[in-house]
Amino acid sequence: PLPAPFQSLSCDSFVNLRISLTCYFIKPDRICDKKNSLDSMNRNLFFVSPGLCVPKPFQKSNSHCCSISMTTSSDNFSSMENLALPDDALTSYRRNTPLDDSEFNSHITKLSHPAKFQRQRSTLTLAANLRTDTIPTLLSMLSLEDTVPRRQSVQTLGVIGIPSIVPLCDELLSTDNITVRASCIKTLAAIILNYPELRKEFPDVAMETLRKVVSSSDQVTKLAAVMCLGALGQRDVTRDIGGNLEAIEVLMEVLEGSDDVGLLAAVVMSVGNIGANEKDDDDDDGVKKEMVIRGLENVVERWTEVEDGGEYVVQLALAQLEKLKSGSLTANVSSLAD
């Protein structure tokens, strides 16, 4: 059965949070998988809350779930990887003289422009020619109901990078606006994607802020923080930069201490992705992968006898363990073949 925490979330919780489930399930009369039952699954979807849908077989007692994959995103969080800043992208936009008020206001206005090219050009111009009022102005736009300028403000702050971190953390801890909190966390994730070298030494103020909100905030903020920590802890395979060990440790703390089924599900998927991207032939990454595997095994042990949502969490953790261990086996076979 679908865990109670997902059914009890209010509709407002899904304004800035999208949860999607990819499910493999077995029914007594036939085996269903993504390849041969996509149409059937589409016909059997129902909505629990806006943004959350699962196949009907999950609600039937005669169906057995054997593998689940879940991704969580805040304002389409996962698509941010496609928006990562190219190296030296700001160089051609830097000017010899500061932006005057007219130019500055024009570029702020263009963050709402219907043309993506115009929005991106203004983002790069504002980031490359930083003024003292740029970051405060962009932060004030995170509360806008219009998603176009709000998301573009997130991207712009993400391109600005390190100078945005402290103001973002202050805003995140001081505001009661869920949309603003989610946008602040998404911006921190954007900074990680744009400046992957920060994975090695992420600013302490940002790490402490994420540690606070992942354990003592609203559900949307906690889940967004898990995704941000997952991005920070994950290896950048393009530049071959290892993930942040402290971010993984924070996620391990949640695995060990939280009884929130929805939060645990998100953490299980995040650490599974972290482990899947680490390299066994690197000493540092070997430690991280072992840490992830031990954490998932502890989840299975701790939740096996729990009635409310325990089976769901255990199935998620077992699926991730199977993926990690089969991945290691595949890598070992490949190295022997080489």
Protein backbone atom coordinates (compact mmCIF):
# COMPACT_ATOMS: atom_id res chain seq x y z
CA PRO A 1 0.00 0.00 0.00
CA LEU A 2 1.07 3.56 -0.61
CA PRO A 3 2.77 4.96 2.52
CA ALA A 4 0.59 7.21 4.65
CA PRO A 5 2.98 10.21 4.54
CA PHE A 6 2.40 10.59 0.81
CA GLN A 7 -1.39 10.44 1.18
CA SER A 8 -1.45 12.96 4.01
CA LEU A 9 0.53 15.70 2.26
CA SER A 10 -1.63 18.69 1.45
CA CYS A 11 -2.15 19.84 -2.12
CA ASP A 12 -0.06 22.93 -1.36
CA SER A 13 2.91 20.67 -0.68
CA PHE A 14 3.09 19.83 -4.35
CA VAL A 15 3.18 23.39 -5.68
CA ASN A 16 6.99 23.28 -5.77
CA LEU A 17 7.52 19.54 -5.46
CA ARG A 18 7.10 16.85 -8.07
CA ILE A 19 7.47 13.20 -7.17
CA SER A 20 7.45 10.56 -9.89
CA LEU A 21 7.53 6.82 -9.41
CA THR A 22 8.85 4.28 -11.89
CA CYS A 23 7.53 0.92 -10.81
CA TYR A 24 8.15 -2.73 -11.60
CA PHE A 25 5.42 -4.94 -10.18
CA ILE A 26 4.21 -8.53 -10.46
CA LYS A 27 0.55 -9.50 -10.67
CA PRO A 28 -0.64 -13.10 -10.37
CA ASP A 29 -1.86 -13.32 -13.96
CA ARG A 30 1.06 -11.66 -15.79
CA ILE A 31 4.41 -9.93 -15.41
CA CYS A 32 4.44 -6.20 -16.08
CA ASP A 33 7.45 -4.07 -16.84
CA LYS A 34 8.20 -0.77 -18.55
CA LYS A 35 8.68 -2.37 -21.96
CA ASN A 36 5.50 -4.40 -22.37
CA SER A 37 2.99 -2.71 -20.10
CA LEU A 38 3.48 1.04 -20.56
CA ASP A 39 0.04 1.49 -22.12
CA SER A 40 -1.53 -0.67 -19.45
CA MET A 41 0.15 1.32 -16.69
CA ASN A 42 -0.97 4.61 -18.23
CA ARG A 43 -4.56 3.39 -18.16
CA ASN A 44 -4.23 2.40 -14.53
CA LEU A 45 -2.86 5.60 -13.06
CA PHE A 46 -4.67 7.48 -10.36
CA PHE A 47 -3.77 10.72 -8.59
CA VAL A 48 -3.24 10.83 -4.85
CA SER A 49 -2.29 14.52 -4.82
CA PRO A 50 -1.33 16.98 -7.57
CA GLY A 51 2.07 15.91 -8.85
CA LEU A 52 2.03 12.40 -7.37
CA CYS A 53 0.76 9.40 -9.31
CA VAL A 54 1.26 5.67 -8.82
CA PRO A 55 -0.10 2.58 -10.59
CA LYS A 56 -3.27 1.08 -9.16
CA PRO A 57 -1.59 -2.30 -8.58
CA PHE A 58 0.25 -0.72 -5.66
CA GLN A 59 -3.08 -0.45 -3.86
CA LYS A 60 -3.99 -4.12 -4.36
CA SER A 61 -3.04 -6.68 -1.77
CA ASN A 62 -2.42 -9.39 -4.40
CA SER A 63 0.28 -7.36 -6.13
CA HIS A 64 3.89 -7.54 -5.02
CA CYS A 65 6.27 -4.65 -5.56
CA CYS A 66 9.75 -5.91 -6.44
CA SER A 67 11.53 -2.70 -7.45
CA ILE A 68 10.85 1.03 -7.24
CA SER A 69 12.78 3.99 -8.57
CA MET A 70 11.85 7.46 -7.38
CA THR A 71 13.09 10.91 -8.29
CA THR A 72 12.07 14.08 -6.49
CA SER A 73 12.35 17.57 -7.90
CA SER A 74 11.56 21.09 -6.79
CA ASP A 75 10.50 23.31 -9.69
CA ASN A 76 11.72 20.58 -12.06
CA PHE A 77 14.90 20.13 -10.06
CA SER A 78 16.33 17.26 -12.13
CA SER A 79 16.30 19.29 -15.36
CA MET A 80 18.82 21.74 -13.87
CA GLU A 81 21.70 19.54 -14.97
CA ASN A 82 20.95 20.65 -18.52
CA LEU A 83 21.40 24.29 -17.43
CA ALA A 84 24.90 23.93 -16.01
CA LEU A 85 27.11 26.92 -16.79
CA PRO A 86 29.72 26.27 -19.50
CA ASP A 87 33.31 27.07 -18.57
CA ASP A 88 34.21 30.76 -19.09
CA ALA A 89 30.61 31.58 -20.06
CA LEU A 90 30.75 35.01 -18.40
CA THR A 91 33.92 36.24 -20.08
CA SER A 92 32.30 37.73 -23.16
CA TYR A 93 29.64 39.49 -21.05
CA ARG A 94 31.99 41.40 -18.75
CA ARG A 95 32.17 45.15 -19.31
CA ASN A 96 34.79 47.72 -18.55
CA THR A 97 32.25 50.00 -16.91
CA PRO A 98 29.50 49.08 -14.40
CA LEU A 99 25.89 48.73 -15.47
CA ASP A 100 24.02 51.98 -14.98
CA ASP A 101 20.55 51.99 -13.41
CA SER A 102 18.77 52.01 -16.75
CA GLU A 103 20.71 49.00 -18.06
CA PHE A 104 20.32 47.17 -14.77
CA ASN A 105 16.55 47.66 -14.65
CA SER A 106 16.26 46.66 -18.29
CA HIS A 107 18.02 43.35 -17.68
CA ILE A 108 15.99 42.67 -14.53
CA THR A 109 12.82 43.21 -16.58
CA LYS A 110 14.09 40.89 -19.31
CA LEU A 111 14.26 38.02 -16.83
CA SER A 112 10.52 37.81 -17.53
CA HIS A 113 10.93 37.97 -21.31
CA PRO A 114 9.05 35.26 -23.23
CA ALA A 115 12.13 34.52 -25.34
CA LYS A 116 14.57 32.17 -23.58
CA PHE A 117 17.56 33.71 -25.36
CA GLN A 118 16.73 37.18 -24.02
CA ARG A 119 16.35 35.83 -20.47
CA GLN A 120 19.65 33.96 -20.61
CA ARG A 121 21.53 36.94 -22.05
CA SER A 122 20.26 39.13 -19.21
CA THR A 123 21.19 36.43 -16.68
CA LEU A 124 24.77 36.32 -17.94
CA THR A 125 25.05 40.10 -18.17
CA LEU A 126 23.80 40.61 -14.60
CA ALA A 127 26.08 37.87 -13.26
CA ALA A 128 29.16 39.11 -15.13
CA ASN A 129 28.67 42.71 -14.02
CA LEU A 130 27.66 42.32 -10.40
CA ARG A 131 26.32 45.34 -8.51
CA THR A 132 25.68 45.65 -4.79
CA ASP A 133 21.92 45.60 -5.39
CA THR A 134 21.88 42.64 -7.82
CA ILE A 135 21.60 39.82 -5.28
CA PRO A 136 19.00 41.57 -3.05
CA THR A 137 16.89 42.33 -6.13
CA LEU A 138 17.04 38.74 -7.33
CA LEU A 139 16.23 37.41 -3.86
CA SER A 140 13.13 39.57 -3.76
CA MET A 141 11.97 37.93 -7.00
CA LEU A 142 11.96 34.45 -5.47
CA SER A 143 8.52 35.14 -3.98
CA LEU A 144 6.91 36.02 -7.33
CA GLU A 145 3.91 33.95 -8.38
CA ASP A 146 5.00 34.12 -12.03
CA THR A 147 7.28 31.12 -12.47
CA VAL A 148 9.23 32.57 -15.43
CA PRO A 149 11.02 35.43 -13.63
CA ARG A 150 11.24 33.39 -10.43
CA ARG A 151 13.04 30.51 -12.10
CA GLN A 152 15.23 32.89 -14.06
CA SER A 153 16.20 34.59 -10.81
CA VAL A 154 17.19 31.18 -9.46
CA GLN A 155 19.36 30.60 -12.53
CA THR A 156 20.93 34.04 -12.28
CA LEU A 157 21.82 33.62 -8.62
CA GLY A 158 23.20 30.19 -9.50
CA VAL A 159 25.43 31.73 -12.17
CA ILE A 160 26.63 34.43 -9.74
CA GLY A 161 27.79 31.59 -7.52
CA ILE A 162 29.71 32.04 -4.27
CA PRO A 163 28.64 35.67 -3.56
CA SER A 164 25.03 34.43 -3.48
CA ILE A 165 25.54 31.69 -0.89
CA VAL A 166 25.42 33.63 2.39
CA PRO A 167 22.39 35.79 1.39
CA LEU A 168 20.61 32.63 0.18
CA CYS A 169 21.23 30.85 3.48
CA ASP A 170 20.04 33.87 5.48
CA GLU A 171 16.86 34.04 3.39
CA LEU A 172 16.27 30.30 3.65
CA LEU A 173 16.45 30.32 7.44
CA SER A 174 14.44 33.51 7.96
CA THR A 175 11.49 33.17 5.57
CA ASP A 176 8.23 31.29 6.16
CA ASN A 177 7.43 31.25 2.45
CA ILE A 178 7.67 27.65 1.18
CA THR A 179 8.18 28.80 -2.41
CA VAL A 180 11.08 31.03 -1.41
CA ARG A 181 12.66 28.26 0.68
CA ALA A 182 12.43 25.78 -2.18
CA SER A 183 13.86 28.37 -4.59
CA CYS A 184 16.79 29.08 -2.25
CA ILE A 185 17.66 25.40 -2.08
CA LYS A 186 17.33 25.02 -5.83
CA THR A 187 19.70 27.96 -6.23
CA LEU A 188 22.28 26.28 -3.99
CA ALA A 189 21.96 23.21 -6.20
CA ALA A 190 22.44 25.39 -9.28
CA ILE A 191 25.64 26.80 -7.78
CA ILE A 192 26.90 23.24 -7.24
CA LEU A 193 26.18 22.37 -10.87
CA ASN A 194 27.71 25.58 -12.23
CA TYR A 195 30.79 25.43 -10.02
CA PRO A 196 31.48 21.71 -9.52
CA GLU A 197 34.81 22.41 -7.84
CA LEU A 198 32.75 23.45 -4.78
CA ARG A 199 32.00 19.77 -4.24
CA LYS A 200 35.42 19.47 -2.62
CA GLU A 201 35.00 22.33 -0.13
CA PHE A 202 31.40 23.51 0.04
CA PRO A 203 31.07 26.62 2.27
CA ASP A 204 30.39 25.72 5.92
CA VAL A 205 27.48 28.16 6.19
CA ALA A 206 25.66 26.44 3.33
CA MET A 207 26.32 22.96 4.68
CA GLU A 208 25.08 23.89 8.15
CA THR A 209 21.99 25.50 6.64
CA LEU A 210 21.14 22.35 4.67
CA ARG A 211 21.76 20.25 7.78
CA LYS A 212 19.24 22.36 9.71
CA VAL A 213 16.45 22.43 7.13
CA VAL A 214 16.68 18.73 6.22
CA SER A 215 15.75 17.79 9.78
CA SER A 216 13.54 20.61 11.02
CA SER A 217 11.50 22.19 8.26
CA ASP A 218 8.36 21.61 6.20
CA GLN A 219 8.16 18.51 4.03
CA VAL A 220 8.76 20.31 0.73
CA THR A 221 11.87 22.06 2.05
CA LYS A 222 13.24 18.86 3.59
CA LEU A 223 12.82 16.91 0.36
CA ALA A 224 14.39 19.71 -1.69
CA ALA A 225 17.31 19.77 0.75
CA VAL A 226 17.79 16.03 0.27
CA MET A 227 18.01 16.52 -3.48
CA CYS A 228 20.52 19.36 -3.03
CA LEU A 229 22.67 17.26 -0.70
CA GLY A 230 22.42 14.43 -3.21
CA ALA A 231 23.72 16.70 -5.97
CA LEU A 232 26.55 17.87 -3.71
CA GLY A 233 27.50 14.34 -2.70
CA GLN A 234 27.43 12.99 -6.23
CA ARG A 235 30.49 12.78 -8.47
CA ASP A 236 30.70 15.19 -11.40
CA VAL A 237 31.50 12.61 -14.07
CA THR A 238 32.15 15.22 -16.77
CA ARG A 239 35.03 16.85 -14.87
CA ASP A 240 35.83 13.77 -12.75
CA ILE A 241 35.33 15.63 -9.45
CA GLY A 242 34.36 13.47 -6.49
CA GLY A 243 31.29 14.20 -4.39
CA ASN A 244 31.31 15.96 -1.03
CA LEU A 245 31.83 13.51 1.84
CA GLU A 246 30.12 15.72 4.44
CA ALA A 247 26.94 15.88 2.32
CA ILE A 248 26.85 12.08 2.28
CA GLU A 249 27.36 12.01 6.05
CA VAL A 250 24.37 14.33 6.53
CA LEU A 251 22.21 12.03 4.39
CA MET A 252 23.44 9.05 6.44
CA GLU A 253 22.35 10.86 9.62
CA VAL A 254 18.85 11.20 8.18
CA LEU A 255 18.80 7.51 7.27
CA GLU A 256 19.78 6.56 10.80
CA GLY A 257 17.57 8.93 12.76
CA SER A 258 14.43 9.81 10.79
CA ASP A 259 11.08 8.02 11.01
CA ASP A 260 9.60 10.08 8.16
CA VAL A 261 8.81 7.57 5.40
CA GLY A 262 8.60 10.17 2.64
CA LEU A 263 11.90 11.75 3.65
CA LEU A 264 13.62 8.37 3.97
CA ALA A 265 12.42 7.34 0.52
CA ALA A 266 13.99 10.45 -1.00
CA VAL A 267 17.26 9.91 0.91
CA VAL A 268 17.45 6.26 -0.14
CA MET A 269 17.16 7.24 -3.79
CA SER A 270 19.69 10.07 -3.44
CA VAL A 271 22.36 7.95 -1.77
CA GLY A 272 21.71 5.18 -4.26
CA ASN A 273 22.46 7.58 -7.10
CA ILE A 274 25.57 8.79 -5.28
CA GLY A 275 26.87 5.26 -4.87
CA ALA A 276 26.11 4.34 -8.48
CA ASN A 277 28.28 7.21 -9.76
CA GLU A 278 31.33 6.55 -7.57
CA LYS A 279 34.38 4.73 -8.88
CA ASP A 280 35.58 1.59 -7.12
CA ASP A 281 39.18 2.12 -8.24
CA ASP A 282 39.49 5.39 -6.31
CA ASP A 283 40.27 5.07 -2.58
CA ASP A 284 38.17 8.09 -1.58
CA ASP A 285 35.19 7.05 -3.67
CA GLY A 286 35.48 3.49 -2.44
CA VAL A 287 34.91 4.79 1.10
CA LYS A 288 31.84 6.73 -0.03
CA LYS A 289 30.29 3.76 -1.80
CA GLU A 290 30.88 1.51 1.20
CA MET A 291 29.30 4.16 3.42
CA VAL A 292 26.21 4.22 1.18
CA ILE A 293 25.93 0.43 1.14
CA ARG A 294 26.22 0.19 4.94
CA GLY A 295 23.61 2.92 5.34
CA LEU A 296 21.15 1.15 3.05
CA GLU A 297 21.73 -2.18 4.78
CA ASN A 298 21.02 -0.53 8.14
CA VAL A 299 17.77 0.87 6.73
CA VAL A 300 16.70 -2.62 5.68
CA GLU A 301 17.50 -3.99 9.13
CA ARG A 302 15.81 -1.13 11.00
CA TRP A 303 12.62 -1.04 8.92
CA THR A 304 11.97 -4.72 8.22
CA GLU A 305 9.59 -5.10 11.18
CA VAL A 306 7.95 -1.67 10.90
CA GLU A 307 4.32 -1.95 9.81
CA ASP A 308 3.49 1.61 8.71
CA GLY A 309 5.53 2.20 5.55
CA GLY A 310 8.31 -0.19 6.54
CA GLU A 311 7.87 -2.56 3.60
CA TYR A 312 7.95 0.37 1.18
CA VAL A 313 11.22 1.75 2.58
CA VAL A 314 12.79 -1.72 2.65
CA GLN A 315 11.86 -2.38 -0.98
CA LEU A 316 13.41 0.94 -2.02
CA ALA A 317 16.61 0.22 -0.11
CA LEU A 318 16.88 -3.34 -1.47
CA ALA A 319 16.43 -2.08 -5.02
CA GLN A 320 19.26 0.42 -4.56
CA LEU A 321 21.51 -2.20 -2.96
CA GLU A 322 20.88 -4.54 -5.87
CA LYS A 323 21.77 -1.77 -8.31
CA LEU A 324 24.97 -0.88 -6.47
CA LYS A 325 26.15 -4.46 -6.04
CA SER A 326 25.31 -5.47 -9.61
CA GLY A 327 27.11 -2.34 -10.83
CA SER A 328 30.23 -3.33 -8.92
CA LEU A 329 30.04 -6.84 -10.37
CA THR A 330 29.69 -5.46 -13.89
CA ALA A 331 32.68 -3.16 -13.38
CA ASN A 332 34.78 -6.06 -12.08
CA VAL A 333 33.86 -8.25 -15.05
CA SER A 334 34.68 -5.42 -17.45
CA SER A 335 38.08 -4.87 -15.84
CA LEU A 336 38.87 -8.58 -16.11
CA ALA A 337 37.89 -8.53 -19.77
CA ASP A 338 40.19 -5.58 -20.38
